[in-house]
Amino acid sequence: MSSHNDSFVASGSSPTENGPDFRCENRGSLFLLFPLSQSAQSWVEEHLPTDAQWFGNAVVIEHRYVWAILEGIQNDGLAVSR
């Protein structure tokens, strides 16, 4: 993965002490974003569309939107791992 992606690993000052708030998995043309904490779940409810596509416990994100979403998560002080 690129160094750009690494800038989101363990970024922010997450309120979660036991690990990251989100896990983001690159699945080629799509990304899966797993909310892992209550703060992450709240962030998803507040910032992503109500008709967002879910795959199990993950939000499906198109490649063209993932960086803006990860940046928003980081700017709000939450942490993302890959």
Protein backbone atom coordinates (compact mmCIF):
# COMPACT_ATOMS: atom_id res chain seq x y z
CA MET A 1 0.00 0.00 0.00
CA SER A 2 1.07 3.56 -0.48
CA SER A 3 2.55 5.81 2.16
CA HIS A 4 -0.59 7.96 1.79
CA ASN A 5 -2.59 5.10 3.30
CA ASP A 6 -0.14 4.80 6.20
CA SER A 7 -0.95 8.34 7.31
CA PHE A 8 -4.30 7.06 8.59
CA VAL A 9 -2.94 4.20 10.64
CA ALA A 10 -3.40 4.93 14.35
CA SER A 11 -3.97 8.61 13.64
CA GLY A 12 -5.91 11.02 15.78
CA SER A 13 -6.52 11.07 19.53
CA SER A 14 -9.15 8.41 19.83
CA PRO A 15 -11.27 8.13 22.96
CA THR A 16 -10.89 4.36 22.64
CA GLU A 17 -7.97 3.10 24.71
CA ASN A 18 -8.20 -0.52 23.56
CA GLY A 19 -7.43 0.08 19.91
CA PRO A 20 -8.57 1.93 16.81
CA ASP A 21 -12.10 3.14 16.25
CA PHE A 22 -12.24 1.87 12.66
CA ARG A 23 -10.60 -0.76 10.52
CA CYS A 24 -10.40 -0.04 6.79
CA GLU A 25 -9.78 -2.88 4.33
CA ASN A 26 -8.86 -2.34 0.69
CA ARG A 27 -10.74 -4.84 -1.46
CA GLY A 28 -9.60 -3.54 -4.83
CA SER A 29 -12.23 -1.23 -6.27
CA LEU A 30 -14.11 -1.09 -2.94
CA PHE A 31 -13.11 -0.47 0.65
CA LEU A 32 -14.75 -1.92 3.75
CA LEU A 33 -14.93 0.38 6.77
CA PHE A 34 -15.60 -1.42 10.05
CA PRO A 35 -16.73 0.75 12.99
CA LEU A 36 -15.11 -0.85 16.05
CA SER A 37 -16.16 1.50 18.85
CA GLN A 38 -19.29 3.30 19.96
CA SER A 39 -17.63 6.57 18.89
CA ALA A 40 -17.10 5.09 15.42
CA GLN A 41 -20.70 3.93 15.18
CA SER A 42 -21.89 7.40 16.15
CA TRP A 43 -19.58 8.96 13.57
CA VAL A 44 -21.00 6.73 10.83
CA GLU A 45 -24.57 7.66 11.81
CA GLU A 46 -23.73 11.38 11.81
CA HIS A 47 -21.54 11.60 8.69
CA LEU A 48 -22.46 8.89 6.19
CA PRO A 49 -25.71 8.72 4.20
CA THR A 50 -28.56 6.75 5.73
CA ASP A 51 -28.69 4.64 2.56
CA ALA A 52 -25.01 3.63 2.79
CA GLN A 53 -24.38 0.07 1.63
CA TRP A 54 -23.43 -2.37 4.40
CA PHE A 55 -21.65 -5.69 3.95
CA GLY A 56 -21.95 -7.50 7.27
CA ASN A 57 -20.55 -5.14 9.90
CA ALA A 58 -18.76 -2.90 7.40
CA VAL A 59 -19.76 0.10 5.32
CA VAL A 60 -18.90 -0.37 1.65
CA ILE A 61 -17.08 2.65 0.23
CA GLU A 62 -16.14 3.31 -3.37
CA HIS A 63 -12.47 3.96 -4.02
CA ARG A 64 -13.11 7.58 -5.10
CA TYR A 65 -14.66 8.48 -1.71
CA VAL A 66 -12.48 6.61 0.78
CA TRP A 67 -9.73 9.22 1.28
CA ALA A 68 -12.18 12.02 2.05
CA ILE A 69 -14.00 9.79 4.55
CA LEU A 70 -10.75 8.69 6.23
CA GLU A 71 -9.62 12.30 6.41
CA GLY A 72 -12.93 13.27 8.04
CA ILE A 73 -12.56 10.48 10.58
CA GLN A 74 -9.01 11.58 11.40
CA ASN A 75 -10.00 15.25 11.62
CA ASP A 76 -12.65 14.31 14.17
CA GLY A 77 -10.00 12.67 16.38
CA LEU A 78 -10.79 9.03 15.70
CA ALA A 79 -8.22 6.37 14.78
CA VAL A 80 -8.22 4.02 11.78
CA SER A 81 -6.19 0.87 11.24
CA ARG A 82 -5.83 -1.20 8.14
